[in-house]
Amino acid sequence: MYEVNKTEPFWWGLFSLGGVVAALFVPIHIIMVGFLSAEAVGYHQMVALVGNPLIKLYLFTLVSLPLFHAAHRLRFALKDLGLKVAGGLLGVFLYGGAVFGTMVAAYIVATLP
C-alpha cells in the first residue's frame, strides 16, 4: 500500500499550479514576445518594464512554479519506473532543486533594476 506523507497535498498543489503556468502562460509569453518589434524589446524599454513590481512577480511566477511541476512529475515518473529511492532521497533532491531554482529566481528578480 502506498503511504502518503503530510506534505503531499502541498507538493500536489505546486504541481498543479506549475502545470497551469507551464501550459498556459509560458506559450502565451513566448508568442507575445515573438510579435513585439525590435524597438519594443530594446534595453531601455525592458528596464522600464521590469521595474514594475507586478512584472517582477509575473516573471518570478513564470520561472518558479514550472520548476515544482517538473520536480513532482520527475519524482513520480522515476517512481513508476521502479526507482525505490523515489520516496525519500530523490524527492529531497528534486524538490530541493526546485526550491533552489526558486531562490535563484527570487534573487535575480529582486536585483533587476
N, C-alpha and C. Protein backbone atom coordinates (compact mmCIF):
# COMPACT_ATOMS: atom_id res chain seq x y z
N MET A 1 0.84 -1.19 0.00
CA MET A 1 0.00 0.00 0.00
C MET A 1 0.88 1.25 0.00
N TYR A 2 0.47 2.25 -0.73
CA TYR A 2 1.24 3.49 -0.82
C TYR A 2 0.91 4.36 0.38
N GLU A 3 1.95 4.83 1.06
CA GLU A 3 1.79 5.66 2.24
C GLU A 3 1.97 7.13 1.85
N VAL A 4 1.00 7.96 2.22
CA VAL A 4 1.04 9.38 1.89
C VAL A 4 1.61 10.15 3.07
N ASN A 5 2.59 11.00 2.79
CA ASN A 5 3.12 11.82 3.89
C ASN A 5 2.30 13.09 4.03
N LYS A 6 2.56 13.83 5.08
CA LYS A 6 1.73 15.00 5.39
C LYS A 6 1.97 16.18 4.47
N THR A 7 3.10 16.21 3.76
CA THR A 7 3.39 17.33 2.87
C THR A 7 2.92 17.07 1.44
N GLU A 8 2.38 15.90 1.19
CA GLU A 8 1.98 15.53 -0.17
C GLU A 8 0.97 16.50 -0.80
N PRO A 9 -0.08 16.95 -0.08
CA PRO A 9 -1.00 17.91 -0.70
C PRO A 9 -0.34 19.22 -1.12
N PHE A 10 0.65 19.66 -0.35
CA PHE A 10 1.38 20.88 -0.70
C PHE A 10 2.09 20.71 -2.04
N TRP A 11 2.79 19.57 -2.22
CA TRP A 11 3.53 19.33 -3.46
C TRP A 11 2.58 19.12 -4.63
N TRP A 12 1.43 18.49 -4.40
CA TRP A 12 0.45 18.34 -5.47
C TRP A 12 -0.14 19.69 -5.87
N GLY A 13 -0.30 20.58 -4.89
CA GLY A 13 -0.79 21.93 -5.21
C GLY A 13 0.21 22.70 -6.06
N LEU A 14 1.50 22.62 -5.69
CA LEU A 14 2.51 23.28 -6.51
C LEU A 14 2.62 22.63 -7.88
N PHE A 15 2.41 21.31 -7.94
CA PHE A 15 2.41 20.61 -9.23
C PHE A 15 1.32 21.15 -10.14
N SER A 16 0.12 21.30 -9.59
CA SER A 16 -0.99 21.78 -10.43
C SER A 16 -0.81 23.24 -10.83
N LEU A 17 -0.35 24.08 -9.91
CA LEU A 17 -0.09 25.48 -10.27
C LEU A 17 0.99 25.59 -11.33
N GLY A 18 2.06 24.82 -11.16
CA GLY A 18 3.13 24.82 -12.14
C GLY A 18 2.68 24.32 -13.49
N GLY A 19 1.78 23.34 -13.49
CA GLY A 19 1.23 22.84 -14.76
C GLY A 19 0.41 23.88 -15.49
N VAL A 20 -0.37 24.62 -14.73
CA VAL A 20 -1.18 25.69 -15.35
C VAL A 20 -0.27 26.76 -15.94
N VAL A 21 0.73 27.16 -15.19
CA VAL A 21 1.66 28.19 -15.68
C VAL A 21 2.41 27.68 -16.91
N ALA A 22 2.90 26.43 -16.82
CA ALA A 22 3.68 25.87 -17.94
C ALA A 22 2.82 25.68 -19.18
N ALA A 23 1.57 25.32 -19.01
CA ALA A 23 0.71 25.04 -20.17
C ALA A 23 0.05 26.29 -20.74
N LEU A 24 -0.21 27.27 -19.89
CA LEU A 24 -0.94 28.44 -20.35
C LEU A 24 -0.06 29.67 -20.54
N PHE A 25 0.65 30.05 -19.50
CA PHE A 25 1.36 31.33 -19.53
C PHE A 25 2.67 31.30 -20.30
N VAL A 26 3.40 30.21 -20.23
CA VAL A 26 4.68 30.16 -20.94
C VAL A 26 4.47 30.27 -22.46
N PRO A 27 3.55 29.49 -23.07
CA PRO A 27 3.35 29.66 -24.52
C PRO A 27 2.82 31.05 -24.89
N ILE A 28 1.92 31.59 -24.07
CA ILE A 28 1.40 32.93 -24.35
C ILE A 28 2.53 33.95 -24.27
N HIS A 29 3.40 33.80 -23.27
CA HIS A 29 4.54 34.71 -23.12
C HIS A 29 5.46 34.62 -24.34
N ILE A 30 5.75 33.43 -24.79
CA ILE A 30 6.63 33.25 -25.95
C ILE A 30 6.01 33.85 -27.21
N ILE A 31 4.72 33.63 -27.41
CA ILE A 31 4.04 34.17 -28.59
C ILE A 31 3.99 35.69 -28.54
N MET A 32 3.68 36.25 -27.37
CA MET A 32 3.59 37.70 -27.26
C MET A 32 4.95 38.36 -27.48
N VAL A 33 6.01 37.79 -26.95
CA VAL A 33 7.34 38.36 -27.15
C VAL A 33 7.74 38.23 -28.62
N GLY A 34 7.31 37.16 -29.28
CA GLY A 34 7.63 36.97 -30.69
C GLY A 34 7.00 38.00 -31.60
N PHE A 35 5.86 38.56 -31.18
CA PHE A 35 5.18 39.55 -32.00
C PHE A 35 5.67 40.98 -31.77
N LEU A 36 6.51 41.19 -30.77
CA LEU A 36 6.99 42.53 -30.48
C LEU A 36 8.07 42.93 -31.47
N SER A 37 8.12 44.21 -31.78
CA SER A 37 9.15 44.70 -32.69
C SER A 37 10.49 44.82 -31.96
N ALA A 38 11.54 45.01 -32.71
CA ALA A 38 12.88 45.11 -32.12
C ALA A 38 12.99 46.34 -31.23
N GLU A 39 12.29 47.42 -31.57
CA GLU A 39 12.33 48.63 -30.76
C GLU A 39 11.62 48.42 -29.43
N ALA A 40 10.58 47.59 -29.45
CA ALA A 40 9.79 47.37 -28.23
C ALA A 40 10.53 46.53 -27.21
N VAL A 41 11.49 45.73 -27.65
CA VAL A 41 12.24 44.89 -26.70
C VAL A 41 13.67 45.40 -26.53
N GLY A 42 13.87 46.68 -26.75
CA GLY A 42 15.18 47.28 -26.54
C GLY A 42 15.52 47.36 -25.06
N TYR A 43 16.76 47.67 -24.77
CA TYR A 43 17.25 47.68 -23.39
C TYR A 43 16.47 48.64 -22.50
N HIS A 44 16.29 49.87 -22.95
CA HIS A 44 15.64 50.88 -22.12
C HIS A 44 14.16 50.55 -21.88
N GLN A 45 13.51 50.00 -22.89
CA GLN A 45 12.12 49.61 -22.72
C GLN A 45 11.99 48.44 -21.73
N MET A 46 12.93 47.49 -21.80
CA MET A 46 12.88 46.35 -20.89
C MET A 46 13.20 46.76 -19.45
N VAL A 47 14.14 47.68 -19.28
CA VAL A 47 14.45 48.17 -17.93
C VAL A 47 13.23 48.86 -17.33
N ALA A 48 12.56 49.66 -18.13
CA ALA A 48 11.36 50.34 -17.65
C ALA A 48 10.25 49.33 -17.34
N LEU A 49 10.11 48.32 -18.16
CA LEU A 49 9.07 47.31 -17.96
C LEU A 49 9.34 46.47 -16.72
N VAL A 50 10.57 46.02 -16.56
CA VAL A 50 10.92 45.14 -15.46
C VAL A 50 10.97 45.90 -14.13
N GLY A 51 11.00 47.20 -14.17
CA GLY A 51 10.97 47.99 -12.95
C GLY A 51 9.63 47.92 -12.23
N ASN A 52 8.60 47.49 -12.92
CA ASN A 52 7.27 47.37 -12.34
C ASN A 52 7.21 46.13 -11.43
N PRO A 53 6.75 46.28 -10.18
CA PRO A 53 6.70 45.14 -9.26
C PRO A 53 5.78 44.01 -9.74
N LEU A 54 4.71 44.34 -10.46
CA LEU A 54 3.83 43.29 -10.97
C LEU A 54 4.51 42.46 -12.06
N ILE A 55 5.34 43.09 -12.86
CA ILE A 55 6.09 42.36 -13.89
C ILE A 55 7.13 41.46 -13.22
N LYS A 56 7.74 41.95 -12.15
CA LYS A 56 8.69 41.11 -11.41
C LYS A 56 8.00 39.88 -10.83
N LEU A 57 6.82 40.08 -10.27
CA LEU A 57 6.06 38.95 -9.74
C LEU A 57 5.67 37.97 -10.85
N TYR A 58 5.27 38.50 -11.99
CA TYR A 58 4.93 37.67 -13.14
C TYR A 58 6.13 36.83 -13.59
N LEU A 59 7.29 37.46 -13.72
CA LEU A 59 8.49 36.73 -14.15
C LEU A 59 8.90 35.68 -13.13
N PHE A 60 8.81 36.01 -11.85
CA PHE A 60 9.12 35.04 -10.80
C PHE A 60 8.18 33.83 -10.88
N THR A 61 6.90 34.09 -11.06
CA THR A 61 5.92 33.01 -11.18
C THR A 61 6.16 32.19 -12.43
N LEU A 62 6.50 32.85 -13.51
CA LEU A 62 6.74 32.18 -14.79
C LEU A 62 7.91 31.21 -14.72
N VAL A 63 8.86 31.48 -13.84
CA VAL A 63 10.04 30.62 -13.72
C VAL A 63 9.88 29.60 -12.59
N SER A 64 9.39 30.03 -11.43
CA SER A 64 9.44 29.17 -10.25
C SER A 64 8.40 28.05 -10.24
N LEU A 65 7.17 28.32 -10.59
CA LEU A 65 6.14 27.28 -10.49
C LEU A 65 6.37 26.10 -11.43
N PRO A 66 6.79 26.31 -12.67
CA PRO A 66 7.10 25.14 -13.51
C PRO A 66 8.24 24.28 -12.97
N LEU A 67 9.13 24.85 -12.16
CA LEU A 67 10.18 24.04 -11.54
C LEU A 67 9.58 22.99 -10.60
N PHE A 68 8.59 23.38 -9.82
CA PHE A 68 7.93 22.44 -8.92
C PHE A 68 7.11 21.41 -9.69
N HIS A 69 6.50 21.85 -10.77
CA HIS A 69 5.76 20.92 -11.63
C HIS A 69 6.71 19.86 -12.18
N ALA A 70 7.85 20.28 -12.67
CA ALA A 70 8.82 19.33 -13.24
C ALA A 70 9.38 18.41 -12.16
N ALA A 71 9.66 18.93 -10.97
CA ALA A 71 10.19 18.09 -9.90
C ALA A 71 9.19 17.00 -9.51
N HIS A 72 7.94 17.36 -9.37
CA HIS A 72 6.91 16.40 -8.98
C HIS A 72 6.70 15.35 -10.08
N ARG A 73 6.67 15.82 -11.32
CA ARG A 73 6.47 14.89 -12.44
C ARG A 73 7.65 13.92 -12.55
N LEU A 74 8.86 14.41 -12.41
CA LEU A 74 10.04 13.54 -12.47
C LEU A 74 10.06 12.54 -11.32
N ARG A 75 9.70 12.99 -10.14
CA ARG A 75 9.70 12.10 -8.98
C ARG A 75 8.77 10.92 -9.21
N PHE A 76 7.55 11.19 -9.66
CA PHE A 76 6.60 10.10 -9.83
C PHE A 76 6.88 9.28 -11.08
N ALA A 77 7.48 9.89 -12.10
CA ALA A 77 7.87 9.10 -13.28
C ALA A 77 8.96 8.12 -12.91
N LEU A 78 9.95 8.56 -12.15
CA LEU A 78 11.03 7.66 -11.73
C LEU A 78 10.53 6.61 -10.75
N LYS A 79 9.58 6.98 -9.93
CA LYS A 79 8.99 6.01 -9.00
C LYS A 79 8.22 4.94 -9.77
N ASP A 80 7.49 5.35 -10.82
CA ASP A 80 6.77 4.38 -11.65
C ASP A 80 7.70 3.48 -12.43
N LEU A 81 8.90 3.95 -12.72
CA LEU A 81 9.89 3.12 -13.41
C LEU A 81 10.59 2.15 -12.47
N GLY A 82 10.28 2.22 -11.19
CA GLY A 82 10.80 1.25 -10.25
C GLY A 82 11.95 1.72 -9.40
N LEU A 83 12.26 3.00 -9.43
CA LEU A 83 13.35 3.51 -8.60
C LEU A 83 12.85 3.61 -7.17
N LYS A 84 13.39 2.78 -6.29
CA LYS A 84 12.91 2.68 -4.91
C LYS A 84 13.26 3.90 -4.06
N VAL A 85 14.27 4.65 -4.45
CA VAL A 85 14.72 5.80 -3.68
C VAL A 85 13.76 6.98 -3.87
N ALA A 86 12.83 6.86 -4.81
CA ALA A 86 11.99 8.00 -5.19
C ALA A 86 11.19 8.57 -4.03
N GLY A 87 10.85 7.76 -3.06
CA GLY A 87 10.07 8.27 -1.94
C GLY A 87 10.85 9.20 -1.03
N GLY A 88 12.13 8.97 -0.87
CA GLY A 88 12.89 9.74 0.10
C GLY A 88 13.94 10.64 -0.50
N LEU A 89 15.09 10.06 -0.79
CA LEU A 89 16.24 10.84 -1.21
C LEU A 89 16.02 11.56 -2.54
N LEU A 90 15.40 10.89 -3.49
CA LEU A 90 15.14 11.52 -4.78
C LEU A 90 14.17 12.68 -4.64
N GLY A 91 13.16 12.53 -3.80
CA GLY A 91 12.23 13.63 -3.56
C GLY A 91 12.91 14.84 -2.96
N VAL A 92 13.81 14.58 -2.00
CA VAL A 92 14.57 15.69 -1.40
C VAL A 92 15.43 16.36 -2.46
N PHE A 93 16.07 15.58 -3.30
CA PHE A 93 16.93 16.13 -4.35
C PHE A 93 16.12 16.95 -5.36
N LEU A 94 15.00 16.40 -5.84
CA LEU A 94 14.21 17.10 -6.86
C LEU A 94 13.52 18.34 -6.30
N TYR A 95 12.85 18.20 -5.16
CA TYR A 95 12.18 19.36 -4.58
C TYR A 95 13.20 20.38 -4.07
N GLY A 96 14.33 19.90 -3.59
CA GLY A 96 15.40 20.82 -3.19
C GLY A 96 15.92 21.61 -4.37
N GLY A 97 16.03 20.95 -5.53
CA GLY A 97 16.43 21.66 -6.74
C GLY A 97 15.41 22.71 -7.14
N ALA A 98 14.13 22.39 -6.99
CA ALA A 98 13.08 23.35 -7.31
C ALA A 98 13.11 24.53 -6.34
N VAL A 99 13.34 24.25 -5.06
CA VAL A 99 13.44 25.33 -4.07
C VAL A 99 14.66 26.19 -4.37
N PHE A 100 15.79 25.55 -4.68
CA PHE A 100 16.99 26.31 -5.02
C PHE A 100 16.76 27.17 -6.26
N GLY A 101 16.13 26.61 -7.30
CA GLY A 101 15.83 27.38 -8.50
C GLY A 101 14.90 28.54 -8.21
N THR A 102 13.96 28.34 -7.30
CA THR A 102 13.05 29.41 -6.90
C THR A 102 13.80 30.51 -6.17
N MET A 103 14.74 30.13 -5.32
CA MET A 103 15.54 31.14 -4.61
C MET A 103 16.42 31.91 -5.58
N VAL A 104 16.99 31.24 -6.56
CA VAL A 104 17.79 31.92 -7.57
C VAL A 104 16.92 32.88 -8.38
N ALA A 105 15.72 32.42 -8.76
CA ALA A 105 14.80 33.30 -9.50
C ALA A 105 14.40 34.51 -8.66
N ALA A 106 14.16 34.30 -7.37
CA ALA A 106 13.79 35.41 -6.50
C ALA A 106 14.93 36.41 -6.38
N TYR A 107 16.16 35.90 -6.27
CA TYR A 107 17.31 36.80 -6.18
C TYR A 107 17.48 37.60 -7.47
N ILE A 108 17.36 36.93 -8.61
CA ILE A 108 17.54 37.62 -9.88
C ILE A 108 16.44 38.66 -10.09
N VAL A 109 15.21 38.29 -9.79
CA VAL A 109 14.10 39.24 -9.98
C VAL A 109 14.24 40.41 -9.00
N ALA A 110 14.69 40.12 -7.78
CA ALA A 110 14.84 41.20 -6.79
C ALA A 110 15.97 42.16 -7.16
N THR A 111 16.98 41.68 -7.85
CA THR A 111 18.11 42.55 -8.19
C THR A 111 17.95 43.21 -9.56
N LEU A 112 16.86 42.94 -10.25
CA LEU A 112 16.62 43.61 -11.53
C LEU A 112 16.43 45.11 -11.27
N PRO A 113 16.87 45.95 -12.21
CA PRO A 113 16.74 47.40 -11.98
C PRO A 113 15.32 47.87 -11.90
